[in-house]
Amino acid sequence: MLPRALDYLENQRRLPPALIHSLAASGSLYADTRGNVVFLLLGKEMTPVGAELRAPTPTCWRGMSPGS
């Protein structure tokens, strides 16, 4: 599911490939079991404090998951 998420970010959102591949390699960006793009939100000590989700579909959907 990650390839679909990366394709969405590169081709539809037009984010720089080097940036998204770096985030994916660090684990700060991944795809969940539903294929949503997950951006991990890190706190002061680089510990997870939440996540932002985006659906790579024609329907614009996004959500926040605090404390995840």
PDB file of N, CA and C in Angstrom:
ATOM      1  N   MET A   1       0.806  -1.201   0.000  1.00  0.00           N
ATOM      2  CA  MET A   1       0.000   0.000   0.000  1.00  0.00           C
ATOM      3  C   MET A   1       0.850   1.266   0.000  1.00  0.00           C
ATOM      4  N   LEU A   2       2.096   1.143   0.459  1.00  0.00           N
ATOM      5  CA  LEU A   2       2.963   2.311   0.464  1.00  0.00           C
ATOM      6  C   LEU A   2       3.235   2.838  -0.946  1.00  0.00           C
ATOM      7  N   PRO A   3       3.450   1.986  -1.953  1.00  0.00           N
ATOM      8  CA  PRO A   3       3.675   2.533  -3.297  1.00  0.00           C
ATOM      9  C   PRO A   3       2.521   3.421  -3.783  1.00  0.00           C
ATOM     10  N   ARG A   4       1.303   3.042  -3.482  1.00  0.00           N
ATOM     11  CA  ARG A   4       0.139   3.858  -3.862  1.00  0.00           C
ATOM     12  C   ARG A   4       0.173   5.205  -3.143  1.00  0.00           C
ATOM     13  N   ALA A   5       0.525   5.181  -1.867  1.00  0.00           N
ATOM     14  CA  ALA A   5       0.606   6.410  -1.084  1.00  0.00           C
ATOM     15  C   ALA A   5       1.712   7.323  -1.622  1.00  0.00           C
ATOM     16  N   LEU A   6       2.867   6.753  -1.942  1.00  0.00           N
ATOM     17  CA  LEU A   6       3.966   7.550  -2.471  1.00  0.00           C
ATOM     18  C   LEU A   6       3.615   8.138  -3.832  1.00  0.00           C
ATOM     19  N   ASP A   7       2.946   7.351  -4.657  1.00  0.00           N
ATOM     20  CA  ASP A   7       2.516   7.839  -5.968  1.00  0.00           C
ATOM     21  C   ASP A   7       1.559   9.020  -5.807  1.00  0.00           C
ATOM     22  N   TYR A   8       0.632   8.917  -4.885  1.00  0.00           N
ATOM     23  CA  TYR A   8      -0.317  10.000  -4.605  1.00  0.00           C
ATOM     24  C   TYR A   8       0.429  11.279  -4.194  1.00  0.00           C
ATOM     25  N   LEU A   9       1.382  11.137  -3.284  1.00  0.00           N
ATOM     26  CA  LEU A   9       2.100  12.307  -2.796  1.00  0.00           C
ATOM     27  C   LEU A   9       2.965  12.947  -3.880  1.00  0.00           C
ATOM     28  N   GLU A  10       3.596  12.117  -4.694  1.00  0.00           N
ATOM     29  CA  GLU A  10       4.459  12.640  -5.758  1.00  0.00           C
ATOM     30  C   GLU A  10       3.667  13.237  -6.917  1.00  0.00           C
ATOM     31  N   ASN A  11       2.666  12.517  -7.406  1.00  0.00           N
ATOM     32  CA  ASN A  11       1.993  12.899  -8.638  1.00  0.00           C
ATOM     33  C   ASN A  11       0.744  13.755  -8.465  1.00  0.00           C
ATOM     34  N   GLN A  12       0.040  13.602  -7.364  1.00  0.00           N
ATOM     35  CA  GLN A  12      -1.156  14.417  -7.165  1.00  0.00           C
ATOM     36  C   GLN A  12      -0.897  15.601  -6.243  1.00  0.00           C
ATOM     37  N   ARG A  13      -0.147  15.376  -5.178  1.00  0.00           N
ATOM     38  CA  ARG A  13       0.159  16.464  -4.246  1.00  0.00           C
ATOM     39  C   ARG A  13       1.414  17.225  -4.645  1.00  0.00           C
ATOM     40  N   ARG A  14       2.184  16.655  -5.569  1.00  0.00           N
ATOM     41  CA  ARG A  14       3.392  17.291  -6.125  1.00  0.00           C
ATOM     42  C   ARG A  14       4.451  17.607  -5.073  1.00  0.00           C
ATOM     43  N   LEU A  15       4.588  16.700  -4.096  1.00  0.00           N
ATOM     44  CA  LEU A  15       5.650  16.862  -3.102  1.00  0.00           C
ATOM     45  C   LEU A  15       6.958  16.326  -3.674  1.00  0.00           C
ATOM     46  N   PRO A  16       8.088  16.896  -3.279  1.00  0.00           N
ATOM     47  CA  PRO A  16       9.374  16.440  -3.796  1.00  0.00           C
ATOM     48  C   PRO A  16       9.635  14.971  -3.423  1.00  0.00           C
ATOM     49  N   PRO A  17       9.965  14.149  -4.415  1.00  0.00           N
ATOM     50  CA  PRO A  17      10.211  12.726  -4.137  1.00  0.00           C
ATOM     51  C   PRO A  17      11.270  12.501  -3.062  1.00  0.00           C
ATOM     52  N   ALA A  18      12.332  13.289  -3.058  1.00  0.00           N
ATOM     53  CA  ALA A  18      13.391  13.109  -2.051  1.00  0.00           C
ATOM     54  C   ALA A  18      12.838  13.291  -0.639  1.00  0.00           C
ATOM     55  N   LEU A  19      11.933  14.244  -0.466  1.00  0.00           N
ATOM     56  CA  LEU A  19      11.340  14.503   0.848  1.00  0.00           C
ATOM     57  C   LEU A  19      10.478  13.333   1.303  1.00  0.00           C
ATOM     58  N   ILE A  20       9.581  12.881   0.446  1.00  0.00           N
ATOM     59  CA  ILE A  20       8.673  11.818   0.883  1.00  0.00           C
ATOM     60  C   ILE A  20       9.388  10.487   1.056  1.00  0.00           C
ATOM     61  N   HIS A  21      10.400  10.219   0.252  1.00  0.00           N
ATOM     62  CA  HIS A  21      11.144   8.966   0.421  1.00  0.00           C
ATOM     63  C   HIS A  21      11.981   9.009   1.701  1.00  0.00           C
ATOM     64  N   SER A  22      12.484  10.180   2.047  1.00  0.00           N
ATOM     65  CA  SER A  22      13.226  10.346   3.294  1.00  0.00           C
ATOM     66  C   SER A  22      12.309  10.130   4.499  1.00  0.00           C
ATOM     67  N   LEU A  23      11.109  10.714   4.450  1.00  0.00           N
ATOM     68  CA  LEU A  23      10.145  10.530   5.547  1.00  0.00           C
ATOM     69  C   LEU A  23       9.710   9.070   5.659  1.00  0.00           C
ATOM     70  N   ALA A  24       9.500   8.410   4.523  1.00  0.00           N
ATOM     71  CA  ALA A  24       9.103   6.996   4.539  1.00  0.00           C
ATOM     72  C   ALA A  24      10.225   6.133   5.108  1.00  0.00           C
ATOM     73  N   ALA A  25      11.455   6.421   4.731  1.00  0.00           N
ATOM     74  CA  ALA A  25      12.595   5.647   5.230  1.00  0.00           C
ATOM     75  C   ALA A  25      12.771   5.816   6.737  1.00  0.00           C
ATOM     76  N   SER A  26      12.431   6.997   7.265  1.00  0.00           N
ATOM     77  CA  SER A  26      12.573   7.242   8.702  1.00  0.00           C
ATOM     78  C   SER A  26      11.405   6.692   9.509  1.00  0.00           C
ATOM     79  N   GLY A  27      10.319   6.287   8.819  1.00  0.00           N
ATOM     80  CA  GLY A  27       9.140   5.782   9.511  1.00  0.00           C
ATOM     81  C   GLY A  27       8.150   6.861   9.893  1.00  0.00           C
ATOM     82  N   SER A  28       8.420   8.108   9.515  1.00  0.00           N
ATOM     83  CA  SER A  28       7.517   9.217   9.832  1.00  0.00           C
ATOM     84  C   SER A  28       6.349   9.312   8.868  1.00  0.00           C
ATOM     85  N   LEU A  29       6.420   8.553   7.773  1.00  0.00           N
ATOM     86  CA  LEU A  29       5.362   8.531   6.781  1.00  0.00           C
ATOM     87  C   LEU A  29       5.172   7.073   6.375  1.00  0.00           C
ATOM     88  N   TYR A  30       3.914   6.631   6.377  1.00  0.00           N
ATOM     89  CA  TYR A  30       3.626   5.256   5.972  1.00  0.00           C
ATOM     90  C   TYR A  30       2.179   5.160   5.525  1.00  0.00           C
ATOM     91  N   ALA A  31       1.797   4.004   5.039  1.00  0.00           N
ATOM     92  CA  ALA A  31       0.408   3.761   4.641  1.00  0.00           C
ATOM     93  C   ALA A  31      -0.222   2.817   5.659  1.00  0.00           C
ATOM     94  N   ASP A  32      -1.455   3.114   6.066  1.00  0.00           N
ATOM     95  CA  ASP A  32      -2.143   2.227   7.000  1.00  0.00           C
ATOM     96  C   ASP A  32      -2.794   1.075   6.229  1.00  0.00           C
ATOM     97  N   THR A  33      -3.502   0.221   6.928  1.00  0.00           N
ATOM     98  CA  THR A  33      -4.104  -0.960   6.296  1.00  0.00           C
ATOM     99  C   THR A  33      -5.196  -0.609   5.291  1.00  0.00           C
ATOM    100  N   ARG A  34      -5.726   0.604   5.360  1.00  0.00           N
ATOM    101  CA  ARG A  34      -6.749   1.051   4.408  1.00  0.00           C
ATOM    102  C   ARG A  34      -6.156   1.805   3.220  1.00  0.00           C
ATOM    103  N   GLY A  35      -4.833   1.958   3.209  1.00  0.00           N
ATOM    104  CA  GLY A  35      -4.172   2.653   2.125  1.00  0.00           C
ATOM    105  C   GLY A  35      -4.063   4.151   2.315  1.00  0.00           C
ATOM    106  N   ASN A  36      -4.481   4.647   3.483  1.00  0.00           N
ATOM    107  CA  ASN A  36      -4.352   6.072   3.768  1.00  0.00           C
ATOM    108  C   ASN A  36      -2.893   6.424   4.018  1.00  0.00           C
ATOM    109  N   VAL A  37      -2.516   7.627   3.651  1.00  0.00           N
ATOM    110  CA  VAL A  37      -1.180   8.125   3.946  1.00  0.00           C
ATOM    111  C   VAL A  37      -1.192   8.618   5.387  1.00  0.00           C
ATOM    112  N   VAL A  38      -0.219   8.181   6.175  1.00  0.00           N
ATOM    113  CA  VAL A  38      -0.130   8.569   7.582  1.00  0.00           C
ATOM    114  C   VAL A  38       1.152   9.364   7.790  1.00  0.00           C
ATOM    115  N   PHE A  39       1.003  10.592   8.280  1.00  0.00           N
ATOM    116  CA  PHE A  39       2.145  11.424   8.648  1.00  0.00           C
ATOM    117  C   PHE A  39       2.228  11.405  10.174  1.00  0.00           C
ATOM    118  N   LEU A  40       3.271  10.819  10.696  1.00  0.00           N
ATOM    119  CA  LEU A  40       3.459  10.728  12.136  1.00  0.00           C
ATOM    120  C   LEU A  40       3.871  12.093  12.670  1.00  0.00           C
ATOM    121  N   LEU A  41       3.200  12.557  13.713  1.00  0.00           N
ATOM    122  CA  LEU A  41       3.518  13.836  14.346  1.00  0.00           C
ATOM    123  C   LEU A  41       4.394  13.559  15.559  1.00  0.00           C
ATOM    124  N   LEU A  42       5.557  14.198  15.589  1.00  0.00           N
ATOM    125  CA  LEU A  42       6.521  13.954  16.658  1.00  0.00           C
ATOM    126  C   LEU A  42       6.589  15.145  17.598  1.00  0.00           C
ATOM    127  N   GLY A  43       6.730  14.838  18.897  1.00  0.00           N
ATOM    128  CA  GLY A  43       6.840  15.877  19.912  1.00  0.00           C
ATOM    129  C   GLY A  43       8.268  16.340  20.109  1.00  0.00           C
ATOM    130  N   LYS A  44       8.490  17.075  21.174  1.00  0.00           N
ATOM    131  CA  LYS A  44       9.795  17.677  21.448  1.00  0.00           C
ATOM    132  C   LYS A  44      10.918  16.649  21.539  1.00  0.00           C
ATOM    133  N   GLU A  45      10.651  15.529  22.115  1.00  0.00           N
ATOM    134  CA  GLU A  45      11.690  14.513  22.280  1.00  0.00           C
ATOM    135  C   GLU A  45      11.612  13.446  21.196  1.00  0.00           C
ATOM    136  N   MET A  46      11.042  13.835  20.048  1.00  0.00           N
ATOM    137  CA  MET A  46      10.918  12.942  18.895  1.00  0.00           C
ATOM    138  C   MET A  46      10.101  11.686  19.208  1.00  0.00           C
ATOM    139  N   THR A  47       9.142  11.830  20.116  1.00  0.00           N
ATOM    140  CA  THR A  47       8.221  10.736  20.415  1.00  0.00           C
ATOM    141  C   THR A  47       6.890  11.029  19.734  1.00  0.00           C
ATOM    142  N   PRO A  48       6.191  10.005  19.258  1.00  0.00           N
ATOM    143  CA  PRO A  48       4.908  10.219  18.578  1.00  0.00           C
ATOM    144  C   PRO A  48       3.870  10.864  19.501  1.00  0.00           C
ATOM    145  N   VAL A  49       3.217  11.905  18.999  1.00  0.00           N
ATOM    146  CA  VAL A  49       2.149  12.572  19.748  1.00  0.00           C
ATOM    147  C   VAL A  49       0.835  12.556  18.974  1.00  0.00           C
ATOM    148  N   GLY A  50       0.855  12.011  17.772  1.00  0.00           N
ATOM    149  CA  GLY A  50      -0.357  11.946  16.955  1.00  0.00           C
ATOM    150  C   GLY A  50      -0.004  11.620  15.524  1.00  0.00           C
ATOM    151  N   ALA A  51      -1.019  11.674  14.673  1.00  0.00           N
ATOM    152  CA  ALA A  51      -0.814  11.401  13.254  1.00  0.00           C
ATOM    153  C   ALA A  51      -1.862  12.139  12.445  1.00  0.00           C
ATOM    154  N   GLU A  52      -1.459  12.542  11.249  1.00  0.00           N
ATOM    155  CA  GLU A  52      -2.393  13.120  10.287  1.00  0.00           C
ATOM    156  C   GLU A  52      -2.570  12.105   9.171  1.00  0.00           C
ATOM    157  N   LEU A  53      -3.812  11.889   8.758  1.00  0.00           N
ATOM    158  CA  LEU A  53      -4.111  10.916   7.714  1.00  0.00           C
ATOM    159  C   LEU A  53      -4.711  11.613   6.506  1.00  0.00           C
ATOM    160  N   ARG A  54      -4.373  11.113   5.333  1.00  0.00           N
ATOM    161  CA  ARG A  54      -4.950  11.598   4.078  1.00  0.00           C
ATOM    162  C   ARG A  54      -5.289  10.400   3.220  1.00  0.00           C
ATOM    163  N   ALA A  55      -6.442  10.457   2.565  1.00  0.00           N
ATOM    164  CA  ALA A  55      -6.854   9.383   1.664  1.00  0.00           C
ATOM    165  C   ALA A  55      -6.366   9.702   0.254  1.00  0.00           C
ATOM    166  N   PRO A  56      -5.645   8.776  -0.374  1.00  0.00           N
ATOM    167  CA  PRO A  56      -5.168   9.006  -1.744  1.00  0.00           C
ATOM    168  C   PRO A  56      -6.229   8.642  -2.773  1.00  0.00           C
ATOM    169  N   THR A  57      -7.402   9.211  -2.630  1.00  0.00           N
ATOM    170  CA  THR A  57      -8.532   8.919  -3.515  1.00  0.00           C
ATOM    171  C   THR A  57      -9.070  10.225  -4.084  1.00  0.00           C
ATOM    172  N   PRO A  58      -9.898  10.154  -5.114  1.00  0.00           N
ATOM    173  CA  PRO A  58     -10.485  11.387  -5.658  1.00  0.00           C
ATOM    174  C   PRO A  58     -11.305  12.165  -4.630  1.00  0.00           C
ATOM    175  N   THR A  59     -11.887  11.476  -3.662  1.00  0.00           N
ATOM    176  CA  THR A  59     -12.616  12.136  -2.591  1.00  0.00           C
ATOM    177  C   THR A  59     -11.602  12.683  -1.592  1.00  0.00           C
ATOM    178  N   CYS A  60     -11.625  13.977  -1.371  1.00  0.00           N
ATOM    179  CA  CYS A  60     -10.669  14.597  -0.444  1.00  0.00           C
ATOM    180  C   CYS A  60     -11.075  14.251   0.994  1.00  0.00           C
ATOM    181  N   TRP A  61     -10.256  13.455   1.638  1.00  0.00           N
ATOM    182  CA  TRP A  61     -10.526  13.087   3.025  1.00  0.00           C
ATOM    183  C   TRP A  61      -9.233  13.203   3.799  1.00  0.00           C
ATOM    184  N   ARG A  62      -9.319  13.792   4.989  1.00  0.00           N
ATOM    185  CA  ARG A  62      -8.162  13.841   5.873  1.00  0.00           C
ATOM    186  C   ARG A  62      -8.652  13.828   7.305  1.00  0.00           C
ATOM    187  N   GLY A  63      -7.789  13.392   8.186  1.00  0.00           N
ATOM    188  CA  GLY A  63      -8.167  13.301   9.583  1.00  0.00           C
ATOM    189  C   GLY A  63      -6.964  13.417  10.484  1.00  0.00           C
ATOM    190  N   MET A  64      -7.240  13.655  11.748  1.00  0.00           N
ATOM    191  CA  MET A  64      -6.194  13.731  12.768  1.00  0.00           C
ATOM    192  C   MET A  64      -6.449  12.646  13.797  1.00  0.00           C
ATOM    193  N   SER A  65      -5.389  12.110  14.319  1.00  0.00           N
ATOM    194  CA  SER A  65      -5.477  11.103  15.352  1.00  0.00           C
ATOM    195  C   SER A  65      -4.532  11.496  16.485  1.00  0.00           C
ATOM    196  N   PRO A  66      -4.994  12.371  17.390  1.00  0.00           N
ATOM    197  CA  PRO A  66      -4.113  12.810  18.484  1.00  0.00           C
ATOM    198  C   PRO A  66      -3.780  11.656  19.421  1.00  0.00           C
ATOM    199  N   GLY A  67      -2.559  11.669  19.901  1.00  0.00           N
ATOM    200  CA  GLY A  67      -2.136  10.684  20.885  1.00  0.00           C
ATOM    201  C   GLY A  67      -1.851   9.302  20.335  1.00  0.00           C
ATOM    202  N   SER A  68      -1.865   9.145  19.038  1.00  0.00           N
ATOM    203  CA  SER A  68      -1.658   7.802  18.470  1.00  0.00           C
ATOM    204  C   SER A  68      -0.183   7.449  18.394  1.00  0.00           C
TER     205      SER A  68
END
